[in-house]
Amino acid sequence: MPVISIITPVHDGGHEYLSEAYASLTQQTLPPGWSWEWIVQEDGRSRRPLASLPDDQRVRYAVGRRGGAGVARTLGLARATGSVVRALDADDLLTEGALRRDIEELTTHPHAGWCVSGALDLLPDGRLVPGPYDPPAGVLSYETLREAYEADRFPIVGTHLAARTDLVRAVGGWPALPALEALALVLICAAVAPGRMLDTPGGIYRKHNNQTTAHPDYWQESEFATIRTAIMSRLTSLQHTRWHWTSSPLEAQ
């Protein structure tokens, strides 16, 4: 039976909405024959976030030394058994039918290595607001994404990426960066594999005061310059190799 693996990093103190993320998973409908597993990887060893999770054999929790969300995501990737991996943050939600649309997009377009859907921002007052730069549905090129990133107008939320597992493993998983690792993985996948934009929002991005990106330390300008250099230099090096990912059938790993 083919499986889609949802990968969620979480840290002690960042699990306030984890049960809501699980609820959005249980409401998903998948194409016939498919199932899901939820890989929850703690960035740390407290095991306290585990108390927010139900006794469900589809939920697979593990701990590890602290290294940031990118490291936690990649540790979770090592435990994934599905042929597709789907990112989901601990404080975000899946929209109805999101996983089904991801799978169908990659099945209908077998040469695509990845796809991504738009996000709805969930504001503290309960309003849902669409992203300001959502690109049109269809082919989403590397050139489009890189130009948008260089212009500081990146059009998508990297934490709503769905990709073939062998592609994500081939590029080394999520980069070990202190920030922007989800955005970076989208650009890295786009540099070596065709991708697509879905026409329906697939995730709800929760805006709240306790999220990592709301902390003042997250936006240190000098550090972000280094992060940007790390991302851009990796993209340039990938382009120089002229290596491109080759598609394979969607099936369990």
Foldseek 3Di string as FASTA:
>chain_A
DAEEEEEEEAEVVRQPQQLVQVVLVVLEDADPPYYYAYQYEYQADPCVSVVSDDPDPSYHYDYDHHQAPQVRRLVSLVVDFHQKYWFDYSNKHWDYHLNRVQVVVCQVVQQFFKEFEWEWEQEPVGDTHTFPQADAWWWDALVNQVVCVVVVNRRHDLRGMMGGSVLCVVLPHFDSANDCSSVLSVSVSRLAGIYTYDHHGTMYHYDDCPDPVNDPVVPDPVSVVVVVVVSVVVSVVSVVVVHHDGGDDGRTD
